[in-house]
């Protein structure tokens, strides 16, 4: 059999193959018109939510569901919802009280993880006073909880004073990485999925948080702000009031045991929401590096070893919280693009073109 004949058979097989089906709910709307100039990694784009605040949408291991934090009628504070991509059903899985953040699937999608203030108060935590500039709350009532995937059987995993949040799970489902102020500063810790064997990984003064494991579980990528002198005094004064000023943050990586810390980005402004690409060679993240004083955050790619970031999105609003599907073909992210009401944040899925 000649090589030309074999090549022809392969091409014919490919042409006869069924088209790749995007993991989209029936309610998704194709919005290729919202792909901006220069967004060459997006082959196609779909919008999954329409209105309100929808953020931090993370895939289940089988790629059929997303867990996200969102505001909905009757829930003025972020609650955790699971969007079934097969049916379009959107079900609340947190308690409905307090405020939640950072939902994540694990245990073969049988369980979820999230942080919540519902034990501290049924009400929303206080809104930060922005007269002192743009600040984030790190509310002291947050703890990390686990539950069945439908939200039943909720169990508290952390029980220390202050802020415990920003938790995600290794792909093998054995270790949770999270951010806590239990030792007086915002540091990164790991623990078993039952809450035992807590280990502190960072020790530098300043904010270390937002961690994610690499797919092989050997590395952790995170955001960090290590101020000095007057900036450190400002950081500590704000933290005493359960606030941080996220105006300057860079991305770092470390081994899963906390060794080998290395700064990856050296950008002006704030870089956050890092996530490893499926091959583990690069990091996709959100940053306002092109306008450090502005609110126009875009997605960027940077090699894990460092280098010049490549801009992925160009919309003149917010793009953030990227996460690749388990098969690496689809990217879920949140954006202000195309908003019917200024400032609303919606969930999108893009077909990723390498």
Protein backbone atom coordinates (compact mmCIF):
# COMPACT_ATOMS: atom_id res chain seq x y z
CA UNK A 1 0.00 0.00 0.00
CA UNK A 2 1.54 3.32 -1.03
CA UNK A 3 2.03 6.20 1.38
CA UNK A 4 -0.12 8.42 -0.84
CA UNK A 5 -2.96 5.91 -0.63
CA UNK A 6 -2.68 5.72 3.18
CA UNK A 7 -2.74 9.52 3.41
CA UNK A 8 -5.84 9.62 1.23
CA UNK A 9 -7.57 7.10 3.53
CA UNK A 10 -6.71 9.18 6.60
CA UNK A 11 -8.05 12.36 4.99
CA UNK A 12 -11.25 10.56 3.96
CA UNK A 13 -11.73 9.22 7.48
CA UNK A 14 -11.31 12.69 8.91
CA UNK A 15 -13.82 14.17 6.47
CA UNK A 16 -16.36 11.48 7.42
CA UNK A 17 -15.85 11.97 11.16
CA UNK A 18 -18.75 13.42 13.10
CA UNK A 19 -18.30 17.11 13.92
CA UNK A 20 -17.04 17.81 17.41
CA UNK A 21 -20.00 18.66 19.58
CA UNK A 22 -19.46 21.59 21.88
CA UNK A 23 -20.51 20.94 25.50
CA UNK A 24 -23.32 23.48 25.36
CA UNK A 25 -26.69 23.70 27.08
CA UNK A 26 -29.82 24.20 24.93
CA UNK A 27 -30.01 27.74 26.26
CA UNK A 28 -26.58 28.74 24.90
CA UNK A 29 -26.50 31.38 22.16
CA UNK A 30 -23.80 31.50 19.49
CA UNK A 31 -22.12 34.91 19.70
CA UNK A 32 -19.26 34.77 17.24
CA UNK A 33 -20.09 38.45 16.64
CA UNK A 34 -18.56 39.11 20.07
CA UNK A 35 -15.18 37.68 19.04
CA UNK A 36 -13.03 40.78 18.83
CA UNK A 37 -10.24 41.54 16.42
CA UNK A 38 -7.04 39.73 17.37
CA UNK A 39 -8.79 37.01 19.40
CA UNK A 40 -7.28 34.33 17.20
CA UNK A 41 -7.50 31.56 19.84
CA UNK A 42 -11.32 31.67 19.66
CA UNK A 43 -12.68 29.58 16.79
CA UNK A 44 -16.28 29.99 18.00
CA UNK A 45 -17.96 31.62 20.98
CA UNK A 46 -21.18 30.93 22.92
CA UNK A 47 -22.86 32.87 25.74
CA UNK A 48 -24.31 30.77 28.55
CA UNK A 49 -25.76 33.31 31.01
CA UNK A 50 -27.64 36.54 30.40
CA UNK A 51 -27.60 39.16 33.11
CA UNK A 52 -26.46 39.63 36.68
CA UNK A 53 -23.13 38.62 38.11
CA UNK A 54 -21.77 35.25 37.03
CA UNK A 55 -18.18 34.34 37.78
CA UNK A 56 -15.64 31.63 38.55
CA UNK A 57 -17.21 28.88 36.46
CA UNK A 58 -15.21 25.66 36.78
CA UNK A 59 -15.69 22.37 34.90
CA UNK A 60 -16.67 19.02 36.29
CA UNK A 61 -14.20 16.23 35.59
CA UNK A 62 -16.42 14.68 32.92
CA UNK A 63 -16.97 18.02 31.15
CA UNK A 64 -20.77 17.95 31.44
CA UNK A 65 -21.30 20.55 34.19
CA UNK A 66 -19.97 23.86 35.42
CA UNK A 67 -20.16 25.14 38.98
CA UNK A 68 -20.26 28.93 39.23
CA UNK A 69 -20.97 31.69 41.72
CA UNK A 70 -23.84 33.95 40.73
CA UNK A 71 -26.45 36.37 41.94
CA UNK A 72 -30.05 35.50 41.11
CA UNK A 73 -33.49 36.76 42.08
CA UNK A 74 -33.84 36.20 45.82
CA UNK A 75 -30.10 35.81 46.29
CA UNK A 76 -28.41 39.23 46.45
CA UNK A 77 -25.10 37.65 47.50
CA UNK A 78 -23.13 35.19 45.37
CA UNK A 79 -24.37 31.63 45.73
CA UNK A 80 -23.03 28.47 44.11
CA UNK A 81 -24.99 27.07 41.17
CA UNK A 82 -24.38 24.00 38.97
CA UNK A 83 -25.14 24.43 35.27
CA UNK A 84 -25.86 21.11 33.54
CA UNK A 85 -24.53 21.52 30.02
CA UNK A 86 -26.70 18.65 28.76
CA UNK A 87 -30.04 20.10 29.89
CA UNK A 88 -29.44 23.77 30.69
CA UNK A 89 -30.71 23.25 34.24
CA UNK A 90 -29.21 25.68 36.74
CA UNK A 91 -29.51 24.48 40.33
CA UNK A 92 -28.39 26.21 43.52
CA UNK A 93 -26.12 23.95 45.56
CA UNK A 94 -25.07 26.28 48.41
CA UNK A 95 -27.26 27.15 51.37
CA UNK A 96 -28.78 30.35 49.95
CA UNK A 97 -27.54 32.43 52.88
CA UNK A 98 -24.35 34.38 53.42
CA UNK A 99 -21.94 34.80 50.48
CA UNK A 100 -20.01 32.04 48.70
CA UNK A 101 -17.01 31.80 46.41
CA UNK A 102 -14.77 29.35 44.58
CA UNK A 103 -16.87 26.25 43.80
CA UNK A 104 -15.05 23.15 42.58
CA UNK A 105 -15.92 19.54 41.66
CA UNK A 106 -13.94 16.56 42.93
CA UNK A 107 -14.30 12.88 43.93
CA UNK A 108 -15.24 11.93 40.34
CA UNK A 109 -17.77 14.80 40.35
CA UNK A 110 -19.68 13.23 43.23
CA UNK A 111 -18.76 16.10 45.56
CA UNK A 112 -18.27 19.86 45.43
CA UNK A 113 -16.13 22.25 47.41
CA UNK A 114 -16.83 25.91 48.09
CA UNK A 115 -16.31 28.66 50.64
CA UNK A 116 -19.18 30.38 52.42
CA UNK A 117 -20.00 32.85 55.20
CA UNK A 118 -23.39 31.29 56.00
CA UNK A 119 -22.37 30.15 59.49
CA UNK A 120 -21.23 33.67 60.39
CA UNK A 121 -24.45 35.32 59.22
CA UNK A 122 -27.46 34.71 57.01
CA UNK A 123 -26.95 38.20 55.57
CA UNK A 124 -24.45 39.43 53.01
CA UNK A 125 -21.07 40.48 54.45
CA UNK A 126 -20.56 44.27 54.54
CA UNK A 127 -19.70 45.94 51.23
CA UNK A 128 -16.18 47.50 51.28
CA UNK A 129 -15.85 51.25 51.64
CA UNK A 130 -14.34 52.30 48.31
CA UNK A 131 -13.62 55.83 49.51
CA UNK A 132 -10.19 54.40 50.37
CA UNK A 133 -9.67 53.19 46.80
CA UNK A 134 -10.45 49.90 45.09
CA UNK A 135 -10.29 47.10 47.68
CA UNK A 136 -11.39 43.47 47.95
CA UNK A 137 -13.07 42.06 51.06
CA UNK A 138 -11.48 39.03 52.73
CA UNK A 139 -14.41 38.56 55.08
CA UNK A 140 -13.58 36.85 58.35
CA UNK A 141 -16.68 34.64 58.20
CA UNK A 142 -15.49 32.49 55.28
CA UNK A 143 -14.88 28.80 55.83
CA UNK A 144 -14.37 25.92 53.37
CA UNK A 145 -17.21 23.41 52.99
CA UNK A 146 -17.80 20.23 51.06
CA UNK A 147 -21.12 18.69 49.99
CA UNK A 148 -22.60 16.16 47.62
CA UNK A 149 -22.88 17.45 44.06
CA UNK A 150 -26.53 18.40 44.64
CA UNK A 151 -25.60 20.46 47.71
CA UNK A 152 -26.89 17.99 50.29
CA UNK A 153 -24.82 16.67 53.17
CA UNK A 154 -22.80 19.84 53.63
CA UNK A 155 -19.73 19.43 55.86
CA UNK A 156 -17.45 22.11 57.28
CA UNK A 157 -13.74 21.51 56.54
CA UNK A 158 -12.10 24.55 58.16
CA UNK A 159 -12.83 26.01 61.56
CA UNK A 160 -10.22 28.66 62.27
CA UNK A 161 -10.86 32.35 62.97
CA UNK A 162 -10.78 34.64 59.93
CA UNK A 163 -10.75 34.00 56.22
CA UNK A 164 -10.55 30.48 54.70
CA UNK A 165 -11.41 30.48 50.99
CA UNK A 166 -10.07 30.30 47.40
CA UNK A 167 -9.96 26.50 47.50
CA UNK A 168 -9.42 24.07 44.61
CA UNK A 169 -8.55 20.37 44.41
CA UNK A 170 -5.76 18.39 42.78
CA UNK A 171 -6.81 16.36 39.73
CA UNK A 172 -6.28 13.09 41.63
CA UNK A 173 -8.77 14.37 44.23
CA UNK A 174 -6.43 13.89 47.20
CA UNK A 175 -5.36 17.41 48.24
CA UNK A 176 -7.12 20.76 48.62
CA UNK A 177 -5.15 23.97 48.19
CA UNK A 178 -6.62 27.10 49.75
CA UNK A 179 -5.93 30.58 51.15
CA UNK A 180 -6.20 31.41 54.84
CA UNK A 181 -5.39 34.19 57.27
CA UNK A 182 -5.14 31.77 60.23
CA UNK A 183 -1.51 32.71 60.92
CA UNK A 184 -2.07 36.47 60.63
CA UNK A 185 -1.33 36.89 56.94
CA UNK A 186 -2.93 35.68 53.70
CA UNK A 187 -1.03 32.49 52.95
CA UNK A 188 -1.52 29.32 50.88
CA UNK A 189 -2.08 25.94 52.55
CA UNK A 190 -2.90 22.40 51.47
CA UNK A 191 -4.92 19.77 53.31
CA UNK A 192 -6.43 16.36 52.74
CA UNK A 193 -9.95 16.37 51.32
CA UNK A 194 -11.28 15.50 54.79
CA UNK A 195 -9.67 18.64 56.24
CA UNK A 196 -6.76 16.88 57.98
CA UNK A 197 -2.99 17.28 57.54
CA UNK A 198 -2.96 21.06 56.95
CA UNK A 199 0.40 22.29 55.62
CA UNK A 200 1.43 25.91 55.11
CA UNK A 201 3.23 26.54 51.81
CA UNK A 202 3.94 30.30 51.72
CA UNK A 203 5.58 32.54 54.32
CA UNK A 204 6.25 35.85 52.53
CA UNK A 205 4.59 39.01 53.95
CA UNK A 206 1.68 39.96 51.70
CA UNK A 207 -1.13 38.30 49.84
CA UNK A 208 -0.55 34.79 48.45
CA UNK A 209 -3.78 33.33 47.08
CA UNK A 210 -5.97 32.08 44.25
CA UNK A 211 -4.03 28.78 43.84
CA UNK A 212 -4.59 26.02 41.26
CA UNK A 213 -2.78 22.70 40.83
CA UNK A 214 -1.25 21.68 37.51
CA UNK A 215 -2.87 18.66 35.88
CA UNK A 216 -0.07 16.36 37.03
CA UNK A 217 -0.44 17.69 40.59
CA UNK A 218 3.24 18.56 40.86
CA UNK A 219 2.93 22.35 40.67
CA UNK A 220 0.74 25.14 42.00
CA UNK A 221 0.21 28.48 40.27
CA UNK A 222 -0.98 31.42 42.34
CA UNK A 223 -1.20 35.20 42.56
CA UNK A 224 0.92 37.17 44.97
CA UNK A 225 1.47 40.66 46.28
CA UNK A 226 4.60 41.06 48.39
CA UNK A 227 4.72 44.76 49.35
CA UNK A 228 7.55 46.44 51.27
CA UNK A 229 7.99 49.51 53.46
CA UNK A 230 4.97 51.87 53.39
CA UNK A 231 3.08 49.58 51.01
CA UNK A 232 3.44 46.72 53.51
CA UNK A 233 2.14 48.97 56.29
CA UNK A 234 -0.85 49.89 54.10
CA UNK A 235 -1.44 46.18 53.34
CA UNK A 236 -1.40 45.26 57.02
CA UNK A 237 -3.68 48.14 58.00
CA UNK A 238 -6.22 47.07 55.39
CA UNK A 239 -5.95 43.38 56.32
CA UNK A 240 -6.76 44.29 59.93
CA UNK A 241 -10.06 45.57 58.53
CA UNK A 242 -10.48 42.40 56.39
CA UNK A 243 -9.58 44.16 53.11
CA UNK A 244 -6.84 43.97 50.49
CA UNK A 245 -5.93 46.41 47.74
CA UNK A 246 -5.34 44.26 44.61
CA UNK A 247 -3.68 46.95 42.52
CA UNK A 248 -0.36 45.11 42.06
CA UNK A 249 -0.24 41.33 41.85
CA UNK A 250 1.96 38.95 39.88
CA UNK A 251 1.83 35.23 39.15
CA UNK A 252 4.08 32.72 40.87
CA UNK A 253 4.55 28.96 40.68
CA UNK A 254 5.81 26.53 43.31
CA UNK A 255 6.02 22.78 43.72
CA UNK A 256 3.08 21.13 45.46
CA UNK A 257 5.12 20.93 48.68
CA UNK A 258 5.81 24.69 48.64
CA UNK A 259 9.42 24.45 47.45
CA UNK A 260 10.89 26.07 44.33
CA UNK A 261 8.88 29.30 44.39
CA UNK A 262 9.43 31.33 41.26
CA UNK A 263 7.88 34.55 39.99
CA UNK A 264 6.48 34.15 36.47
CA UNK A 265 5.16 37.62 35.55
CA UNK A 266 6.71 41.02 36.12
CA UNK A 267 3.80 43.11 34.89
CA UNK A 268 2.44 46.44 36.03
CA UNK A 269 -1.06 46.29 37.49
CA UNK A 270 -2.91 43.24 38.78
CA UNK A 271 -2.63 39.73 37.37
CA UNK A 272 -4.90 37.03 38.82
CA UNK A 273 -7.05 33.96 38.05
CA UNK A 274 -4.15 31.87 36.66
CA UNK A 275 -4.78 28.45 35.15
CA UNK A 276 -2.34 26.01 33.54
CA UNK A 277 -2.86 25.19 29.86
CA UNK A 278 -3.62 21.49 29.28
CA UNK A 279 -0.01 20.73 28.29
CA UNK A 280 1.25 22.41 31.47
CA UNK A 281 3.67 24.58 29.51
CA UNK A 282 1.87 27.93 29.82
CA UNK A 283 -0.45 29.83 32.13
CA UNK A 284 -3.63 31.60 31.03
CA UNK A 285 -4.59 34.47 33.31
CA UNK A 286 -6.38 37.82 33.59
CA UNK A 287 -4.54 41.13 33.86
CA UNK A 288 -4.85 44.86 33.37
CA UNK A 289 -1.12 45.07 32.53
CA UNK A 290 -1.81 47.24 29.47
CA UNK A 291 -3.67 49.80 31.59
CA UNK A 292 -2.68 49.21 35.23
CA UNK A 293 -5.03 51.87 36.59
CA UNK A 294 -8.00 50.73 34.52
CA UNK A 295 -10.72 48.11 34.80
CA UNK A 296 -10.11 46.59 31.36
CA UNK A 297 -8.81 43.15 32.25
CA UNK A 298 -7.91 40.78 29.42
CA UNK A 299 -6.70 37.20 29.16
CA UNK A 300 -3.01 36.59 28.52
CA UNK A 301 -0.81 33.53 27.94
CA UNK A 302 2.67 33.33 29.43
CA UNK A 303 5.13 30.41 29.40
CA UNK A 304 5.53 28.76 32.81
CA UNK A 305 9.21 29.59 32.58
CA UNK A 306 8.37 33.28 32.10
CA UNK A 307 8.57 35.53 29.09
CA UNK A 308 6.56 38.13 27.25
CA UNK A 309 2.81 37.53 27.74
CA UNK A 310 0.68 37.02 24.65
CA UNK A 311 -2.64 38.83 24.68
CA UNK A 312 -5.58 36.46 24.10
CA UNK A 313 -8.62 38.76 24.44
CA UNK A 314 -9.03 42.32 23.26
CA UNK A 315 -12.52 43.31 24.41
CA UNK A 316 -12.61 46.74 26.04
CA UNK A 317 -14.13 45.42 29.26
CA UNK A 318 -13.47 42.63 31.74
CA UNK A 319 -12.36 39.12 30.75
CA UNK A 320 -11.33 36.73 33.51
CA UNK A 321 -11.60 33.40 35.35
CA UNK A 322 -10.47 31.16 32.46
CA UNK A 323 -10.57 27.37 32.81
CA UNK A 324 -10.02 24.72 30.12
CA UNK A 325 -12.39 21.77 29.75
CA UNK A 326 -10.93 18.41 30.79
CA UNK A 327 -10.23 17.54 27.14
CA UNK A 328 -8.62 20.94 26.55
CA UNK A 329 -10.85 21.79 23.58
CA UNK A 330 -13.06 24.40 25.25
CA UNK A 331 -12.44 27.40 27.41
CA UNK A 332 -14.94 28.69 29.96
CA UNK A 333 -14.44 32.29 31.02
CA UNK A 334 -16.41 35.28 32.29
CA UNK A 335 -16.72 38.62 30.56
CA UNK A 336 -18.56 41.93 30.45
CA UNK A 337 -18.61 41.79 26.62
CA UNK A 338 -21.98 42.29 25.00
CA UNK A 339 -23.60 43.15 28.33
CA UNK A 340 -27.20 44.36 28.12
CA UNK A 341 -26.55 46.33 31.32
CA UNK A 342 -23.21 48.00 31.89
CA UNK A 343 -21.02 45.98 34.24
CA UNK A 344 -22.94 42.71 34.22
CA UNK A 345 -20.71 39.67 33.96
CA UNK A 346 -21.70 36.59 31.98
CA UNK A 347 -20.35 33.13 31.33
CA UNK A 348 -18.96 32.21 27.90
CA UNK A 349 -17.48 29.09 26.27
CA UNK A 350 -15.00 29.41 23.43
CA UNK A 351 -13.75 26.70 21.10
CA UNK A 352 -10.02 26.97 21.68
CA UNK A 353 -7.75 27.24 18.65
CA UNK A 354 -4.10 26.58 19.50
